[in-house]
Amino acid sequence: WVSPLDASCEQTRAGSLAHSHRHFAQAISFGPYEDGAATCPTGADCEDQSGAFTVTPDDASAAAALFDVLPSIDVATGSLDFTVRGNVTGGASFTVALTDDGSPAETS
């Protein structure tokens, strides 16, 4: 689940162009064993997965013109972090993927 950007997107410190949108991605799950929702049966080989978000600009030049630090999402906290450049306007689109380290590789 991904929340829309709104007033909860805060500057990381007063006067800074760095921003952090806490809990941007929520309910991140790599399966019932990692979430504690299920117990691995005795003798079974249950997965122990983790993963990472990849945030890729659709137009690298447009993104570079707008951001000093490109957006990233922390998989542990769900925070979206980025630093904008001062005195610029414009727009940029990004593709976000969540990839686990299980086998076979799957992306959502």
PDB file of N, CA and C in Angstrom:
ATOM      1  N   TRP A   1       0.836  -1.153   0.000  1.00  0.00           N
ATOM      2  CA  TRP A   1       0.000   0.000   0.000  1.00  0.00           C
ATOM      3  C   TRP A   1       0.886   1.222   0.000  1.00  0.00           C
ATOM      4  N   VAL A   2       0.566   2.185  -0.830  1.00  0.00           N
ATOM      5  CA  VAL A   2       1.349   3.410  -0.934  1.00  0.00           C
ATOM      6  C   VAL A   2       0.428   4.588  -0.682  1.00  0.00           C
ATOM      7  N   SER A   3       0.827   5.447   0.242  1.00  0.00           N
ATOM      8  CA  SER A   3       0.003   6.609   0.563  1.00  0.00           C
ATOM      9  C   SER A   3       0.343   7.764  -0.373  1.00  0.00           C
ATOM     10  N   PRO A   4      -0.619   8.639  -0.634  1.00  0.00           N
ATOM     11  CA  PRO A   4      -0.334   9.808  -1.480  1.00  0.00           C
ATOM     12  C   PRO A   4       0.524  10.806  -0.724  1.00  0.00           C
ATOM     13  N   LEU A   5       1.300  11.594  -1.453  1.00  0.00           N
ATOM     14  CA  LEU A   5       2.065  12.663  -0.819  1.00  0.00           C
ATOM     15  C   LEU A   5       1.089  13.729  -0.358  1.00  0.00           C
ATOM     16  N   ASP A   6       1.255  14.172   0.857  1.00  0.00           N
ATOM     17  CA  ASP A   6       0.379  15.199   1.401  1.00  0.00           C
ATOM     18  C   ASP A   6       1.140  15.994   2.449  1.00  0.00           C
ATOM     19  N   ALA A   7       0.425  16.611   3.355  1.00  0.00           N
ATOM     20  CA  ALA A   7       1.053  17.461   4.366  1.00  0.00           C
ATOM     21  C   ALA A   7       1.978  16.693   5.297  1.00  0.00           C
ATOM     22  N   SER A   8       1.889  15.357   5.350  1.00  0.00           N
ATOM     23  CA  SER A   8       2.768  14.601   6.238  1.00  0.00           C
ATOM     24  C   SER A   8       4.179  14.481   5.676  1.00  0.00           C
ATOM     25  N   CYS A   9       4.400  14.983   4.483  1.00  0.00           N
ATOM     26  CA  CYS A   9       5.750  15.013   3.918  1.00  0.00           C
ATOM     27  C   CYS A   9       6.474  16.185   4.579  1.00  0.00           C
ATOM     28  N   GLU A  10       7.463  15.868   5.402  1.00  0.00           N
ATOM     29  CA  GLU A  10       8.116  16.878   6.210  1.00  0.00           C
ATOM     30  C   GLU A  10       9.536  17.156   5.747  1.00  0.00           C
ATOM     31  N   GLN A  11       9.970  18.392   5.955  1.00  0.00           N
ATOM     32  CA  GLN A  11      11.378  18.693   5.770  1.00  0.00           C
ATOM     33  C   GLN A  11      12.122  17.998   6.892  1.00  0.00           C
ATOM     34  N   THR A  12      13.302  17.458   6.592  1.00  0.00           N
ATOM     35  CA  THR A  12      14.044  16.742   7.625  1.00  0.00           C
ATOM     36  C   THR A  12      14.605  17.689   8.670  1.00  0.00           C
ATOM     37  N   ARG A  13      14.866  18.930   8.314  1.00  0.00           N
ATOM     38  CA  ARG A  13      15.243  19.959   9.283  1.00  0.00           C
ATOM     39  C   ARG A  13      14.854  21.314   8.703  1.00  0.00           C
ATOM     40  N   ALA A  14      14.621  22.263   9.553  1.00  0.00           N
ATOM     41  CA  ALA A  14      14.168  23.584   9.115  1.00  0.00           C
ATOM     42  C   ALA A  14      15.137  24.172   8.089  1.00  0.00           C
ATOM     43  N   GLY A  15      14.592  24.679   7.004  1.00  0.00           N
ATOM     44  CA  GLY A  15      15.403  25.310   5.972  1.00  0.00           C
ATOM     45  C   GLY A  15      16.064  24.340   5.011  1.00  0.00           C
ATOM     46  N   SER A  16      15.920  23.056   5.264  1.00  0.00           N
ATOM     47  CA  SER A  16      16.544  22.049   4.414  1.00  0.00           C
ATOM     48  C   SER A  16      15.670  21.759   3.197  1.00  0.00           C
ATOM     49  N   LEU A  17      16.290  21.349   2.130  1.00  0.00           N
ATOM     50  CA  LEU A  17      15.545  20.917   0.948  1.00  0.00           C
ATOM     51  C   LEU A  17      15.381  19.400   0.931  1.00  0.00           C
ATOM     52  N   ALA A  18      15.846  18.735   1.989  1.00  0.00           N
ATOM     53  CA  ALA A  18      15.659  17.289   2.145  1.00  0.00           C
ATOM     54  C   ALA A  18      14.287  17.034   2.754  1.00  0.00           C
ATOM     55  N   HIS A  19      13.577  16.050   2.217  1.00  0.00           N
ATOM     56  CA  HIS A  19      12.227  15.722   2.686  1.00  0.00           C
ATOM     57  C   HIS A  19      12.139  14.238   3.003  1.00  0.00           C
ATOM     58  N   SER A  20      11.273  13.927   3.962  1.00  0.00           N
ATOM     59  CA  SER A  20      11.005  12.541   4.318  1.00  0.00           C
ATOM     60  C   SER A  20       9.500  12.372   4.499  1.00  0.00           C
ATOM     61  N   HIS A  21       8.921  11.452   3.752  1.00  0.00           N
ATOM     62  CA  HIS A  21       7.495  11.147   3.862  1.00  0.00           C
ATOM     63  C   HIS A  21       7.406   9.809   4.593  1.00  0.00           C
ATOM     64  N   ARG A  22       7.205   9.894   5.904  1.00  0.00           N
ATOM     65  CA  ARG A  22       7.174   8.681   6.719  1.00  0.00           C
ATOM     66  C   ARG A  22       5.967   7.817   6.357  1.00  0.00           C
ATOM     67  N   HIS A  23       6.159   6.524   6.418  1.00  0.00           N
ATOM     68  CA  HIS A  23       5.101   5.538   6.170  1.00  0.00           C
ATOM     69  C   HIS A  23       4.491   5.683   4.767  1.00  0.00           C
ATOM     70  N   PHE A  24       5.288   6.113   3.808  1.00  0.00           N
ATOM     71  CA  PHE A  24       4.818   6.228   2.423  1.00  0.00           C
ATOM     72  C   PHE A  24       4.376   4.862   1.908  1.00  0.00           C
ATOM     73  N   ALA A  25       5.195   3.848   2.121  1.00  0.00           N
ATOM     74  CA  ALA A  25       4.840   2.468   1.764  1.00  0.00           C
ATOM     75  C   ALA A  25       4.496   1.745   3.068  1.00  0.00           C
ATOM     76  N   GLN A  26       3.349   1.077   3.081  1.00  0.00           N
ATOM     77  CA  GLN A  26       2.895   0.420   4.308  1.00  0.00           C
ATOM     78  C   GLN A  26       2.494  -1.014   4.015  1.00  0.00           C
ATOM     79  N   ALA A  27       2.431  -1.802   5.065  1.00  0.00           N
ATOM     80  CA  ALA A  27       2.026  -3.205   4.970  1.00  0.00           C
ATOM     81  C   ALA A  27       2.900  -3.967   3.986  1.00  0.00           C
ATOM     82  N   ILE A  28       4.211  -3.721   4.045  1.00  0.00           N
ATOM     83  CA  ILE A  28       5.176  -4.403   3.174  1.00  0.00           C
ATOM     84  C   ILE A  28       5.323  -5.829   3.694  1.00  0.00           C
ATOM     85  N   SER A  29       5.126  -6.801   2.825  1.00  0.00           N
ATOM     86  CA  SER A  29       5.169  -8.191   3.251  1.00  0.00           C
ATOM     87  C   SER A  29       6.012  -9.027   2.290  1.00  0.00           C
ATOM     88  N   PHE A  30       6.832  -9.894   2.871  1.00  0.00           N
ATOM     89  CA  PHE A  30       7.598 -10.849   2.078  1.00  0.00           C
ATOM     90  C   PHE A  30       7.085 -12.270   2.313  1.00  0.00           C
ATOM     91  N   GLY A  31       5.909 -12.389   2.904  1.00  0.00           N
ATOM     92  CA  GLY A  31       5.294 -13.691   3.103  1.00  0.00           C
ATOM     93  C   GLY A  31       4.964 -13.945   4.566  1.00  0.00           C
ATOM     94  N   PRO A  32       4.175 -14.991   4.828  1.00  0.00           N
ATOM     95  CA  PRO A  32       3.670 -15.239   6.178  1.00  0.00           C
ATOM     96  C   PRO A  32       4.747 -15.590   7.199  1.00  0.00           C
ATOM     97  N   TYR A  33       5.850 -16.205   6.783  1.00  0.00           N
ATOM     98  CA  TYR A  33       6.895 -16.575   7.744  1.00  0.00           C
ATOM     99  C   TYR A  33       7.674 -15.350   8.192  1.00  0.00           C
ATOM    100  N   GLU A  34       7.937 -14.436   7.279  1.00  0.00           N
ATOM    101  CA  GLU A  34       8.656 -13.216   7.623  1.00  0.00           C
ATOM    102  C   GLU A  34       7.796 -12.273   8.456  1.00  0.00           C
ATOM    103  N   ASP A  35       6.482 -12.306   8.244  1.00  0.00           N
ATOM    104  CA  ASP A  35       5.565 -11.437   8.974  1.00  0.00           C
ATOM    105  C   ASP A  35       5.205 -11.983  10.350  1.00  0.00           C
ATOM    106  N   GLY A  36       5.550 -13.243  10.618  1.00  0.00           N
ATOM    107  CA  GLY A  36       5.178 -13.866  11.876  1.00  0.00           C
ATOM    108  C   GLY A  36       3.749 -14.361  11.891  1.00  0.00           C
ATOM    109  N   ALA A  37       3.073 -14.324  10.733  1.00  0.00           N
ATOM    110  CA  ALA A  37       1.687 -14.768  10.656  1.00  0.00           C
ATOM    111  C   ALA A  37       1.582 -16.286  10.594  1.00  0.00           C
ATOM    112  N   ALA A  38       2.678 -16.954  10.288  1.00  0.00           N
ATOM    113  CA  ALA A  38       2.674 -18.413  10.210  1.00  0.00           C
ATOM    114  C   ALA A  38       3.976 -18.936  10.802  1.00  0.00           C
ATOM    115  N   THR A  39       3.913 -20.117  11.345  1.00  0.00           N
ATOM    116  CA  THR A  39       5.094 -20.761  11.902  1.00  0.00           C
ATOM    117  C   THR A  39       5.557 -21.831  10.929  1.00  0.00           C
ATOM    118  N   CYS A  40       6.833 -21.837  10.667  1.00  0.00           N
ATOM    119  CA  CYS A  40       7.391 -22.823   9.749  1.00  0.00           C
ATOM    120  C   CYS A  40       7.255 -24.217  10.362  1.00  0.00           C
ATOM    121  N   PRO A  41       6.658 -25.160   9.634  1.00  0.00           N
ATOM    122  CA  PRO A  41       6.520 -26.523  10.161  1.00  0.00           C
ATOM    123  C   PRO A  41       7.888 -27.145  10.433  1.00  0.00           C
ATOM    124  N   THR A  42       7.960 -27.967  11.452  1.00  0.00           N
ATOM    125  CA  THR A  42       9.205 -28.647  11.808  1.00  0.00           C
ATOM    126  C   THR A  42       9.718 -29.449  10.618  1.00  0.00           C
ATOM    127  N   GLY A  43      10.993 -29.282  10.319  1.00  0.00           N
ATOM    128  CA  GLY A  43      11.615 -30.009   9.219  1.00  0.00           C
ATOM    129  C   GLY A  43      11.420 -29.375   7.859  1.00  0.00           C
ATOM    130  N   ALA A  44      10.591 -28.358   7.753  1.00  0.00           N
ATOM    131  CA  ALA A  44      10.344 -27.704   6.461  1.00  0.00           C
ATOM    132  C   ALA A  44      11.433 -26.660   6.200  1.00  0.00           C
ATOM    133  N   ASP A  45      11.640 -26.371   4.940  1.00  0.00           N
ATOM    134  CA  ASP A  45      12.606 -25.348   4.536  1.00  0.00           C
ATOM    135  C   ASP A  45      11.820 -24.079   4.194  1.00  0.00           C
ATOM    136  N   CYS A  46      11.516 -23.293   5.213  1.00  0.00           N
ATOM    137  CA  CYS A  46      10.735 -22.076   4.999  1.00  0.00           C
ATOM    138  C   CYS A  46      11.642 -20.947   4.543  1.00  0.00           C
ATOM    139  N   GLU A  47      11.086 -20.091   3.739  1.00  0.00           N
ATOM    140  CA  GLU A  47      11.853 -18.976   3.203  1.00  0.00           C
ATOM    141  C   GLU A  47      12.142 -17.953   4.288  1.00  0.00           C
ATOM    142  N   ASP A  48      13.271 -17.320   4.171  1.00  0.00           N
ATOM    143  CA  ASP A  48      13.642 -16.210   5.039  1.00  0.00           C
ATOM    144  C   ASP A  48      14.025 -15.079   4.103  1.00  0.00           C
ATOM    145  N   GLN A  49      13.020 -14.322   3.657  1.00  0.00           N
ATOM    146  CA  GLN A  49      13.242 -13.323   2.625  1.00  0.00           C
ATOM    147  C   GLN A  49      13.322 -11.917   3.185  1.00  0.00           C
ATOM    148  N   SER A  50      13.998 -11.113   2.437  1.00  0.00           N
ATOM    149  CA  SER A  50      13.992  -9.673   2.647  1.00  0.00           C
ATOM    150  C   SER A  50      13.917  -9.071   1.250  1.00  0.00           C
ATOM    151  N   GLY A  51      14.008  -7.784   1.148  1.00  0.00           N
ATOM    152  CA  GLY A  51      13.904  -7.189  -0.173  1.00  0.00           C
ATOM    153  C   GLY A  51      14.304  -5.735  -0.157  1.00  0.00           C
ATOM    154  N   ALA A  52      14.086  -5.098  -1.284  1.00  0.00           N
ATOM    155  CA  ALA A  52      14.455  -3.694  -1.434  1.00  0.00           C
ATOM    156  C   ALA A  52      13.570  -3.032  -2.486  1.00  0.00           C
ATOM    157  N   PHE A  53      13.368  -1.744  -2.294  1.00  0.00           N
ATOM    158  CA  PHE A  53      12.688  -0.941  -3.298  1.00  0.00           C
ATOM    159  C   PHE A  53      13.720  -0.403  -4.279  1.00  0.00           C
ATOM    160  N   THR A  54      13.346  -0.359  -5.536  1.00  0.00           N
ATOM    161  CA  THR A  54      14.130   0.317  -6.563  1.00  0.00           C
ATOM    162  C   THR A  54      13.266   1.451  -7.093  1.00  0.00           C
ATOM    163  N   VAL A  55      13.788   2.666  -7.051  1.00  0.00           N
ATOM    164  CA  VAL A  55      13.074   3.843  -7.547  1.00  0.00           C
ATOM    165  C   VAL A  55      13.876   4.376  -8.731  1.00  0.00           C
ATOM    166  N   THR A  56      13.305   4.250  -9.927  1.00  0.00           N
ATOM    167  CA  THR A  56      14.014   4.606 -11.155  1.00  0.00           C
ATOM    168  C   THR A  56      13.300   5.744 -11.872  1.00  0.00           C
ATOM    169  N   PRO A  57      14.019   6.828 -12.165  1.00  0.00           N
ATOM    170  CA  PRO A  57      13.367   7.923 -12.897  1.00  0.00           C
ATOM    171  C   PRO A  57      13.034   7.488 -14.319  1.00  0.00           C
ATOM    172  N   ASP A  58      11.845   7.870 -14.786  1.00  0.00           N
ATOM    173  CA  ASP A  58      11.460   7.564 -16.163  1.00  0.00           C
ATOM    174  C   ASP A  58      12.260   8.421 -17.148  1.00  0.00           C
ATOM    175  N   ASP A  59      12.672   9.608 -16.709  1.00  0.00           N
ATOM    176  CA  ASP A  59      13.519  10.501 -17.503  1.00  0.00           C
ATOM    177  C   ASP A  59      14.636  10.972 -16.591  1.00  0.00           C
ATOM    178  N   ALA A  60      15.801  10.359 -16.711  1.00  0.00           N
ATOM    179  CA  ALA A  60      16.928  10.650 -15.816  1.00  0.00           C
ATOM    180  C   ALA A  60      17.348  12.117 -15.859  1.00  0.00           C
ATOM    181  N   SER A  61      17.299  12.730 -17.016  1.00  0.00           N
ATOM    182  CA  SER A  61      17.692  14.143 -17.141  1.00  0.00           C
ATOM    183  C   SER A  61      16.727  15.053 -16.386  1.00  0.00           C
ATOM    184  N   ALA A  62      15.430  14.799 -16.514  1.00  0.00           N
ATOM    185  CA  ALA A  62      14.431  15.602 -15.804  1.00  0.00           C
ATOM    186  C   ALA A  62      14.594  15.442 -14.295  1.00  0.00           C
ATOM    187  N   ALA A  63      14.827  14.216 -13.840  1.00  0.00           N
ATOM    188  CA  ALA A  63      14.994  13.968 -12.409  1.00  0.00           C
ATOM    189  C   ALA A  63      16.263  14.639 -11.883  1.00  0.00           C
ATOM    190  N   ALA A  64      17.343  14.560 -12.634  1.00  0.00           N
ATOM    191  CA  ALA A  64      18.602  15.174 -12.204  1.00  0.00           C
ATOM    192  C   ALA A  64      18.476  16.689 -12.097  1.00  0.00           C
ATOM    193  N   ALA A  65      17.625  17.284 -12.929  1.00  0.00           N
ATOM    194  CA  ALA A  65      17.429  18.729 -12.892  1.00  0.00           C
ATOM    195  C   ALA A  65      16.633  19.162 -11.657  1.00  0.00           C
ATOM    196  N   LEU A  66      15.839  18.256 -11.071  1.00  0.00           N
ATOM    197  CA  LEU A  66      14.959  18.595  -9.957  1.00  0.00           C
ATOM    198  C   LEU A  66      15.471  18.162  -8.587  1.00  0.00           C
ATOM    199  N   PHE A  67      16.308  17.116  -8.548  1.00  0.00           N
ATOM    200  CA  PHE A  67      16.702  16.534  -7.276  1.00  0.00           C
ATOM    201  C   PHE A  67      18.211  16.553  -7.082  1.00  0.00           C
ATOM    202  N   ASP A  68      18.645  16.958  -5.870  1.00  0.00           N
ATOM    203  CA  ASP A  68      20.041  16.767  -5.479  1.00  0.00           C
ATOM    204  C   ASP A  68      20.259  15.324  -5.056  1.00  0.00           C
ATOM    205  N   VAL A  69      19.257  14.766  -4.374  1.00  0.00           N
ATOM    206  CA  VAL A  69      19.268  13.352  -3.993  1.00  0.00           C
ATOM    207  C   VAL A  69      17.961  12.760  -4.503  1.00  0.00           C
ATOM    208  N   LEU A  70      18.072  11.773  -5.397  1.00  0.00           N
ATOM    209  CA  LEU A  70      16.883  11.158  -5.986  1.00  0.00           C
ATOM    210  C   LEU A  70      16.042  10.454  -4.920  1.00  0.00           C
ATOM    211  N   PRO A  71      14.752  10.325  -5.169  1.00  0.00           N
ATOM    212  CA  PRO A  71      13.881   9.630  -4.217  1.00  0.00           C
ATOM    213  C   PRO A  71      14.314   8.179  -3.992  1.00  0.00           C
ATOM    214  N   SER A  72      14.152   7.751  -2.744  1.00  0.00           N
ATOM    215  CA  SER A  72      14.387   6.354  -2.369  1.00  0.00           C
ATOM    216  C   SER A  72      13.361   5.980  -1.318  1.00  0.00           C
ATOM    217  N   ILE A  73      13.076   4.683  -1.220  1.00  0.00           N
ATOM    218  CA  ILE A  73      12.127   4.184  -0.223  1.00  0.00           C
ATOM    219  C   ILE A  73      12.844   3.153   0.632  1.00  0.00           C
ATOM    220  N   ASP A  74      12.807   3.362   1.931  1.00  0.00           N
ATOM    221  CA  ASP A  74      13.418   2.440   2.885  1.00  0.00           C
ATOM    222  C   ASP A  74      12.450   1.292   3.135  1.00  0.00           C
ATOM    223  N   VAL A  75      12.855   0.071   2.848  1.00  0.00           N
ATOM    224  CA  VAL A  75      11.955  -1.078   2.975  1.00  0.00           C
ATOM    225  C   VAL A  75      11.603  -1.362   4.438  1.00  0.00           C
ATOM    226  N   ALA A  76      12.484  -1.035   5.375  1.00  0.00           N
ATOM    227  CA  ALA A  76      12.216  -1.311   6.785  1.00  0.00           C
ATOM    228  C   ALA A  76      11.193  -0.348   7.376  1.00  0.00           C
ATOM    229  N   THR A  77      11.221   0.913   6.951  1.00  0.00           N
ATOM    230  CA  THR A  77      10.340   1.919   7.538  1.00  0.00           C
ATOM    231  C   THR A  77       9.234   2.395   6.606  1.00  0.00           C
ATOM    232  N   GLY A  78       9.404   2.163   5.304  1.00  0.00           N
ATOM    233  CA  GLY A  78       8.443   2.651   4.322  1.00  0.00           C
ATOM    234  C   GLY A  78       8.587   4.126   4.014  1.00  0.00           C
ATOM    235  N   SER A  79       9.640   4.767   4.520  1.00  0.00           N
ATOM    236  CA  SER A  79       9.839   6.204   4.305  1.00  0.00           C
ATOM    237  C   SER A  79      10.343   6.501   2.899  1.00  0.00           C
ATOM    238  N   LEU A  80       9.743   7.515   2.300  1.00  0.00           N
ATOM    239  CA  LEU A  80      10.178   8.050   1.018  1.00  0.00           C
ATOM    240  C   LEU A  80      11.041   9.268   1.332  1.00  0.00           C
ATOM    241  N   ASP A  81      12.290   9.258   0.887  1.00  0.00           N
ATOM    242  CA  ASP A  81      13.225  10.340   1.161  1.00  0.00           C
ATOM    243  C   ASP A  81      13.774  10.907  -0.136  1.00  0.00           C
ATOM    244  N   PHE A  82      13.943  12.231  -0.176  1.00  0.00           N
ATOM    245  CA  PHE A  82      14.512  12.886  -1.347  1.00  0.00           C
ATOM    246  C   PHE A  82      14.964  14.290  -0.968  1.00  0.00           C
ATOM    247  N   THR A  83      15.848  14.846  -1.776  1.00  0.00           N
ATOM    248  CA  THR A  83      16.290  16.225  -1.596  1.00  0.00           C
ATOM    249  C   THR A  83      16.115  16.945  -2.919  1.00  0.00           C
ATOM    250  N   VAL A  84      15.321  18.009  -2.887  1.00  0.00           N
ATOM    251  CA  VAL A  84      15.080  18.781  -4.104  1.00  0.00           C
ATOM    252  C   VAL A  84      16.160  19.848  -4.278  1.00  0.00           C
ATOM    253  N   ARG A  85      16.359  20.265  -5.524  1.00  0.00           N
ATOM    254  CA  ARG A  85      17.266  21.373  -5.815  1.00  0.00           C
ATOM    255  C   ARG A  85      16.535  22.677  -5.493  1.00  0.00           C
ATOM    256  N   GLY A  86      17.275  23.681  -5.113  1.00  0.00           N
ATOM    257  CA  GLY A  86      16.680  24.975  -4.838  1.00  0.00           C
ATOM    258  C   GLY A  86      16.403  25.741  -6.118  1.00  0.00           C
ATOM    259  N   ASN A  87      15.358  26.542  -6.096  1.00  0.00           N
ATOM    260  CA  ASN A  87      15.032  27.467  -7.179  1.00  0.00           C
ATOM    261  C   ASN A  87      14.802  26.809  -8.538  1.00  0.00           C
ATOM    262  N   VAL A  88      14.191  25.633  -8.557  1.00  0.00           N
ATOM    263  CA  VAL A  88      13.818  24.994  -9.823  1.00  0.00           C
ATOM    264  C   VAL A  88      12.364  24.550  -9.738  1.00  0.00           C
ATOM    265  N   THR A  89      11.726  24.443 -10.881  1.00  0.00           N
ATOM    266  CA  THR A  89      10.373  23.910 -10.958  1.00  0.00           C
ATOM    267  C   THR A  89      10.341  22.869 -12.060  1.00  0.00           C
ATOM    268  N   GLY A  90       9.336  22.032 -12.035  1.00  0.00           N
ATOM    269  CA  GLY A  90       9.198  21.015 -13.074  1.00  0.00           C
ATOM    270  C   GLY A  90       8.561  19.771 -12.505  1.00  0.00           C
ATOM    271  N   GLY A  91       8.637  18.700 -13.250  1.00  0.00           N
ATOM    272  CA  GLY A  91       8.043  17.443 -12.833  1.00  0.00           C
ATOM    273  C   GLY A  91       8.894  16.275 -13.298  1.00  0.00           C
ATOM    274  N   ALA A  92       8.770  15.178 -12.600  1.00  0.00           N
ATOM    275  CA  ALA A  92       9.475  13.955 -12.970  1.00  0.00           C
ATOM    276  C   ALA A  92       8.629  12.764 -12.543  1.00  0.00           C
ATOM    277  N   SER A  93       8.648  11.717 -13.340  1.00  0.00           N
ATOM    278  CA  SER A  93       7.935  10.477 -13.030  1.00  0.00           C
ATOM    279  C   SER A  93       8.951   9.393 -12.705  1.00  0.00           C
ATOM    280  N   PHE A  94       8.545   8.476 -11.831  1.00  0.00           N
ATOM    281  CA  PHE A  94       9.424   7.403 -11.397  1.00  0.00           C
ATOM    282  C   PHE A  94       8.691   6.074 -11.461  1.00  0.00           C
ATOM    283  N   THR A  95       9.432   5.012 -11.689  1.00  0.00           N
ATOM    284  CA  THR A  95       8.916   3.658 -11.601  1.00  0.00           C
ATOM    285  C   THR A  95       9.456   3.061 -10.314  1.00  0.00           C
ATOM    286  N   VAL A  96       8.557   2.498  -9.498  1.00  0.00           N
ATOM    287  CA  VAL A  96       8.945   1.912  -8.218  1.00  0.00           C
ATOM    288  C   VAL A  96       8.688   0.411  -8.277  1.00  0.00           C
ATOM    289  N   ALA A  97       9.690  -0.365  -7.863  1.00  0.00           N
ATOM    290  CA  ALA A  97       9.553  -1.822  -7.812  1.00  0.00           C
ATOM    291  C   ALA A  97      10.020  -2.321  -6.452  1.00  0.00           C
ATOM    292  N   LEU A  98       9.321  -3.303  -5.917  1.00  0.00           N
ATOM    293  CA  LEU A  98       9.724  -3.980  -4.692  1.00  0.00           C
ATOM    294  C   LEU A  98      10.148  -5.383  -5.087  1.00  0.00           C
ATOM    295  N   THR A  99      11.398  -5.712  -4.818  1.00  0.00           N
ATOM    296  CA  THR A  99      11.944  -7.008  -5.205  1.00  0.00           C
ATOM    297  C   THR A  99      12.392  -7.752  -3.964  1.00  0.00           C
ATOM    298  N   ASP A 100      11.974  -9.028  -3.851  1.00  0.00           N
ATOM    299  CA  ASP A 100      12.447  -9.826  -2.711  1.00  0.00           C
ATOM    300  C   ASP A 100      13.677 -10.620  -3.141  1.00  0.00           C
ATOM    301  N   ASP A 101      14.362 -11.177  -2.160  1.00  0.00           N
ATOM    302  CA  ASP A 101      15.582 -11.925  -2.472  1.00  0.00           C
ATOM    303  C   ASP A 101      15.325 -13.420  -2.546  1.00  0.00           C
ATOM    304  N   GLY A 102      14.051 -13.803  -2.664  1.00  0.00           N
ATOM    305  CA  GLY A 102      13.694 -15.221  -2.770  1.00  0.00           C
ATOM    306  C   GLY A 102      13.960 -15.764  -4.145  1.00  0.00           C
ATOM    307  N   SER A 103      13.719 -17.028  -4.290  1.00  0.00           N
ATOM    308  CA  SER A 103      13.945 -17.683  -5.571  1.00  0.00           C
ATOM    309  C   SER A 103      12.641 -18.321  -6.003  1.00  0.00           C
ATOM    310  N   PRO A 104      12.198 -18.176  -7.226  1.00  0.00           N
ATOM    311  CA  PRO A 104      12.798 -17.320  -8.246  1.00  0.00           C
ATOM    312  C   PRO A 104      12.516 -15.854  -7.940  1.00  0.00           C
ATOM    313  N   ALA A 105      13.311 -14.978  -8.517  1.00  0.00           N
ATOM    314  CA  ALA A 105      13.155 -13.545  -8.279  1.00  0.00           C
ATOM    315  C   ALA A 105      11.785 -13.094  -8.748  1.00  0.00           C
ATOM    316  N   GLU A 106      11.102 -12.344  -7.899  1.00  0.00           N
ATOM    317  CA  GLU A 106       9.795 -11.812  -8.240  1.00  0.00           C
ATOM    318  C   GLU A 106       9.788 -10.329  -7.927  1.00  0.00           C
ATOM    319  N   THR A 107       9.119  -9.556  -8.762  1.00  0.00           N
ATOM    320  CA  THR A 107       9.002  -8.115  -8.553  1.00  0.00           C
ATOM    321  C   THR A 107       7.539  -7.733  -8.556  1.00  0.00           C
ATOM    322  N   SER A 108       7.146  -6.835  -7.617  1.00  0.00           N
ATOM    323  CA  SER A 108       5.767  -6.362  -7.554  1.00  0.00           C
ATOM    324  C   SER A 108       5.731  -4.902  -7.938  1.00  0.00           C
TER     325      SER A 108
END
